[in-house]
Amino acid sequence: MAAGWRVAAESGAWTVSPHLFVMATMILCRARKSTVVNDIIEATVEPQKLGPKNLTGWKRPILPEYEDPHTGAGKAKGATWADWYRSRHVLFRIPVNEFTRRVWAIHGDWRPKLESGDVIRDQGGQIVASCTEAGETRWAEGW
């Protein structure tokens, strides 16, 4: 839709058909509604406001297993971005994508150190990296 507006503006048109905006609005209005997102926010934020320590700035604790390079505690104990990417793509099985590849090209030390049996897949389900029982890591071409 934005491209249509840009093309119309660049070509000197004085109007753009509103059909796309009307159709998008109708689809959103007719779509099944859900309050899951709001409920998740309320379930996680409200205890911080209403908890017994609300006047002292109480926050949910970060468990030791989640202390990664995003946190001061994780940095203090030496957590690396390679560890974080291993959790992300091996433990949680989040597929890698073109931008993951670009990040690893820039920061080679962020590429995860795989352990025996580890597998990393791309968004199409293709194996990008794996580690053999002998501990040998194999990366697909281009990765």
C-alpha atoms as a PDB file:
ATOM      1  CA  MET A   1       0.000   0.000   0.000  1.00  0.00           C
ATOM      2  CA  ALA A   2       2.810   2.370   0.881  1.00  0.00           C
ATOM      3  CA  ALA A   3       4.433   1.659  -2.485  1.00  0.00           C
ATOM      4  CA  GLY A   4       1.166   2.589  -4.220  1.00  0.00           C
ATOM      5  CA  TRP A   5       1.087   5.921  -2.434  1.00  0.00           C
ATOM      6  CA  ARG A   6       4.742   6.566  -3.277  1.00  0.00           C
ATOM      7  CA  VAL A   7       4.277   5.698  -6.957  1.00  0.00           C
ATOM      8  CA  ALA A   8       1.185   7.913  -7.152  1.00  0.00           C
ATOM      9  CA  ALA A   9       3.010  10.799  -5.518  1.00  0.00           C
ATOM     10  CA  GLU A  10       6.069  10.397  -7.741  1.00  0.00           C
ATOM     11  CA  SER A  11       3.957  10.183 -10.896  1.00  0.00           C
ATOM     12  CA  GLY A  12       2.025  13.342 -10.061  1.00  0.00           C
ATOM     13  CA  ALA A  13      -1.324  11.632  -9.459  1.00  0.00           C
ATOM     14  CA  TRP A  14      -3.669  13.710  -7.369  1.00  0.00           C
ATOM     15  CA  THR A  15      -5.405  10.698  -5.811  1.00  0.00           C
ATOM     16  CA  VAL A  16      -4.780   7.090  -4.853  1.00  0.00           C
ATOM     17  CA  SER A  17      -7.488   4.457  -4.818  1.00  0.00           C
ATOM     18  CA  PRO A  18      -8.605   3.755  -1.229  1.00  0.00           C
ATOM     19  CA  HIS A  19      -9.513   0.142  -2.053  1.00  0.00           C
ATOM     20  CA  LEU A  20      -6.468  -1.419  -0.385  1.00  0.00           C
ATOM     21  CA  PHE A  21      -7.011   0.507   2.845  1.00  0.00           C
ATOM     22  CA  VAL A  22     -10.717  -0.307   2.907  1.00  0.00           C
ATOM     23  CA  MET A  23     -10.043  -4.000   2.262  1.00  0.00           C
ATOM     24  CA  ALA A  24      -7.374  -4.121   4.976  1.00  0.00           C
ATOM     25  CA  THR A  25      -9.728  -2.433   7.446  1.00  0.00           C
ATOM     26  CA  MET A  26     -12.544  -4.855   6.591  1.00  0.00           C
ATOM     27  CA  ILE A  27     -10.270  -7.872   7.016  1.00  0.00           C
ATOM     28  CA  LEU A  28      -9.141  -6.625  10.424  1.00  0.00           C
ATOM     29  CA  CYS A  29     -12.727  -5.910  11.488  1.00  0.00           C
ATOM     30  CA  ARG A  30     -13.930  -9.358  10.402  1.00  0.00           C
ATOM     31  CA  ALA A  31     -10.984 -11.252  11.887  1.00  0.00           C
ATOM     32  CA  ARG A  32     -11.463 -13.347  15.000  1.00  0.00           C
ATOM     33  CA  LYS A  33     -10.457 -11.274  17.995  1.00  0.00           C
ATOM     34  CA  SER A  34      -8.157 -12.360  20.801  1.00  0.00           C
ATOM     35  CA  THR A  35      -7.007 -10.754  24.017  1.00  0.00           C
ATOM     36  CA  VAL A  36      -4.017 -13.081  24.479  1.00  0.00           C
ATOM     37  CA  VAL A  37      -1.453 -10.304  24.024  1.00  0.00           C
ATOM     38  CA  ASN A  38      -3.206  -7.999  26.501  1.00  0.00           C
ATOM     39  CA  ASP A  39      -3.630 -10.855  28.985  1.00  0.00           C
ATOM     40  CA  ILE A  40       0.079 -11.762  28.813  1.00  0.00           C
ATOM     41  CA  ILE A  41       1.042  -8.142  29.404  1.00  0.00           C
ATOM     42  CA  GLU A  42      -1.330  -7.818  32.357  1.00  0.00           C
ATOM     43  CA  ALA A  43      -0.183 -11.132  33.862  1.00  0.00           C
ATOM     44  CA  THR A  44       3.458 -10.075  33.769  1.00  0.00           C
ATOM     45  CA  VAL A  45       3.274  -6.334  34.435  1.00  0.00           C
ATOM     46  CA  GLU A  46       0.540  -6.120  37.064  1.00  0.00           C
ATOM     47  CA  PRO A  47       2.418  -8.110  39.742  1.00  0.00           C
ATOM     48  CA  GLN A  48       5.197  -5.561  39.497  1.00  0.00           C
ATOM     49  CA  LYS A  49       2.710  -2.749  40.165  1.00  0.00           C
ATOM     50  CA  LEU A  50       0.642  -4.517  42.814  1.00  0.00           C
ATOM     51  CA  GLY A  51       3.283  -6.669  44.525  1.00  0.00           C
ATOM     52  CA  PRO A  52       4.344  -6.092  48.127  1.00  0.00           C
ATOM     53  CA  LYS A  53       7.539  -4.384  46.981  1.00  0.00           C
ATOM     54  CA  ASN A  54       5.927  -2.027  44.479  1.00  0.00           C
ATOM     55  CA  LEU A  55       7.317   1.059  46.243  1.00  0.00           C
ATOM     56  CA  THR A  56      10.904  -0.192  46.104  1.00  0.00           C
ATOM     57  CA  GLY A  57      11.028  -0.848  42.367  1.00  0.00           C
ATOM     58  CA  TRP A  58      10.483  -4.612  42.584  1.00  0.00           C
ATOM     59  CA  LYS A  59      11.162  -6.473  39.360  1.00  0.00           C
ATOM     60  CA  ARG A  60      10.869 -10.114  38.431  1.00  0.00           C
ATOM     61  CA  PRO A  61      14.142 -11.869  39.201  1.00  0.00           C
ATOM     62  CA  ILE A  62      16.324 -13.139  36.376  1.00  0.00           C
ATOM     63  CA  LEU A  63      17.009 -16.805  37.039  1.00  0.00           C
ATOM     64  CA  PRO A  64      20.674 -17.882  36.800  1.00  0.00           C
ATOM     65  CA  GLU A  65      20.019 -19.992  33.699  1.00  0.00           C
ATOM     66  CA  TYR A  66      18.818 -16.856  31.898  1.00  0.00           C
ATOM     67  CA  GLU A  67      21.809 -14.692  32.755  1.00  0.00           C
ATOM     68  CA  ASP A  68      23.172 -14.185  29.264  1.00  0.00           C
ATOM     69  CA  PRO A  69      25.155 -11.374  27.599  1.00  0.00           C
ATOM     70  CA  HIS A  70      22.011  -9.205  27.695  1.00  0.00           C
ATOM     71  CA  THR A  71      22.311  -8.912  31.490  1.00  0.00           C
ATOM     72  CA  GLY A  72      24.967  -7.477  33.782  1.00  0.00           C
ATOM     73  CA  ALA A  73      25.045 -10.720  35.759  1.00  0.00           C
ATOM     74  CA  GLY A  74      25.554 -12.726  32.570  1.00  0.00           C
ATOM     75  CA  LYS A  75      28.370 -10.481  31.416  1.00  0.00           C
ATOM     76  CA  ALA A  76      29.977 -10.725  34.878  1.00  0.00           C
ATOM     77  CA  LYS A  77      30.014 -14.513  34.764  1.00  0.00           C
ATOM     78  CA  GLY A  78      31.453 -14.551  31.228  1.00  0.00           C
ATOM     79  CA  ALA A  79      28.401 -15.515  29.179  1.00  0.00           C
ATOM     80  CA  THR A  80      29.141 -15.100  25.475  1.00  0.00           C
ATOM     81  CA  TRP A  81      27.047 -14.297  22.438  1.00  0.00           C
ATOM     82  CA  ALA A  82      28.076 -17.688  21.023  1.00  0.00           C
ATOM     83  CA  ASP A  83      26.380 -19.284  24.063  1.00  0.00           C
ATOM     84  CA  TRP A  84      23.290 -17.162  23.493  1.00  0.00           C
ATOM     85  CA  TYR A  85      23.076 -18.092  19.797  1.00  0.00           C
ATOM     86  CA  ARG A  86      23.527 -21.787  20.691  1.00  0.00           C
ATOM     87  CA  SER A  87      20.570 -21.578  23.088  1.00  0.00           C
ATOM     88  CA  ARG A  88      18.524 -19.709  20.524  1.00  0.00           C
ATOM     89  CA  HIS A  89      19.132 -22.022  17.581  1.00  0.00           C
ATOM     90  CA  VAL A  90      19.885 -25.401  19.181  1.00  0.00           C
ATOM     91  CA  LEU A  91      17.984 -25.501  22.483  1.00  0.00           C
ATOM     92  CA  PHE A  92      14.967 -23.436  21.363  1.00  0.00           C
ATOM     93  CA  ARG A  93      15.226 -24.571  17.707  1.00  0.00           C
ATOM     94  CA  ILE A  94      14.647 -21.101  16.283  1.00  0.00           C
ATOM     95  CA  PRO A  95      15.644 -21.282  12.604  1.00  0.00           C
ATOM     96  CA  VAL A  96      18.500 -19.129  11.359  1.00  0.00           C
ATOM     97  CA  ASN A  97      17.910 -16.671   8.537  1.00  0.00           C
ATOM     98  CA  GLU A  98      19.849 -14.496   6.131  1.00  0.00           C
ATOM     99  CA  PHE A  99      20.375 -11.847   8.805  1.00  0.00           C
ATOM    100  CA  THR A 100      21.744 -14.390  11.284  1.00  0.00           C
ATOM    101  CA  ARG A 101      24.295 -15.310   8.617  1.00  0.00           C
ATOM    102  CA  ARG A 102      25.184 -11.647   8.139  1.00  0.00           C
ATOM    103  CA  VAL A 103      25.631 -11.106  11.888  1.00  0.00           C
ATOM    104  CA  TRP A 104      27.940 -14.129  12.107  1.00  0.00           C
ATOM    105  CA  ALA A 105      29.900 -12.836   9.114  1.00  0.00           C
ATOM    106  CA  ILE A 106      30.505  -9.599  11.025  1.00  0.00           C
ATOM    107  CA  HIS A 107      31.070 -11.204  14.433  1.00  0.00           C
ATOM    108  CA  GLY A 108      32.619 -14.611  13.821  1.00  0.00           C
ATOM    109  CA  ASP A 109      33.016 -15.200  17.575  1.00  0.00           C
ATOM    110  CA  TRP A 110      29.211 -15.065  17.972  1.00  0.00           C
ATOM    111  CA  ARG A 111      28.792 -18.238  15.893  1.00  0.00           C
ATOM    112  CA  PRO A 112      27.732 -20.966  18.350  1.00  0.00           C
ATOM    113  CA  LYS A 113      30.145 -23.664  19.489  1.00  0.00           C
ATOM    114  CA  LEU A 114      28.177 -26.823  18.800  1.00  0.00           C
ATOM    115  CA  GLU A 115      28.221 -29.932  20.934  1.00  0.00           C
ATOM    116  CA  SER A 116      27.729 -33.550  19.927  1.00  0.00           C
ATOM    117  CA  GLY A 117      24.258 -34.031  18.427  1.00  0.00           C
ATOM    118  CA  ASP A 118      23.536 -30.325  17.970  1.00  0.00           C
ATOM    119  CA  VAL A 119      21.747 -29.287  14.770  1.00  0.00           C
ATOM    120  CA  ILE A 120      20.925 -25.812  13.448  1.00  0.00           C
ATOM    121  CA  ARG A 121      18.331 -25.427  10.678  1.00  0.00           C
ATOM    122  CA  ASP A 122      17.282 -22.571   8.441  1.00  0.00           C
ATOM    123  CA  GLN A 123      13.722 -21.347   7.883  1.00  0.00           C
ATOM    124  CA  GLY A 124      13.178 -23.959   5.188  1.00  0.00           C
ATOM    125  CA  GLY A 125      14.196 -26.790   7.522  1.00  0.00           C
ATOM    126  CA  GLN A 126      17.553 -27.399   5.822  1.00  0.00           C
ATOM    127  CA  ILE A 127      20.464 -28.261   8.108  1.00  0.00           C
ATOM    128  CA  VAL A 128      22.883 -25.342   8.281  1.00  0.00           C
ATOM    129  CA  ALA A 129      25.207 -26.828  10.899  1.00  0.00           C
ATOM    130  CA  SER A 130      25.580 -30.030  12.850  1.00  0.00           C
ATOM    131  CA  CYS A 131      28.013 -31.624  15.242  1.00  0.00           C
ATOM    132  CA  THR A 132      28.940 -35.282  14.981  1.00  0.00           C
ATOM    133  CA  GLU A 133      29.241 -37.695  17.913  1.00  0.00           C
ATOM    134  CA  ALA A 134      33.003 -37.224  17.620  1.00  0.00           C
ATOM    135  CA  GLY A 135      32.559 -33.485  18.184  1.00  0.00           C
ATOM    136  CA  GLU A 136      33.276 -32.385  14.611  1.00  0.00           C
ATOM    137  CA  THR A 137      31.170 -29.382  13.554  1.00  0.00           C
ATOM    138  CA  ARG A 138      30.072 -29.193   9.926  1.00  0.00           C
ATOM    139  CA  TRP A 139      28.660 -25.962   8.432  1.00  0.00           C
ATOM    140  CA  ALA A 140      26.762 -25.766   5.159  1.00  0.00           C
ATOM    141  CA  GLU A 141      28.389 -23.795   2.375  1.00  0.00           C
ATOM    142  CA  GLY A 142      27.917 -20.063   2.836  1.00  0.00           C
ATOM    143  CA  TRP A 143      27.524 -20.311   6.583  1.00  0.00           C
END
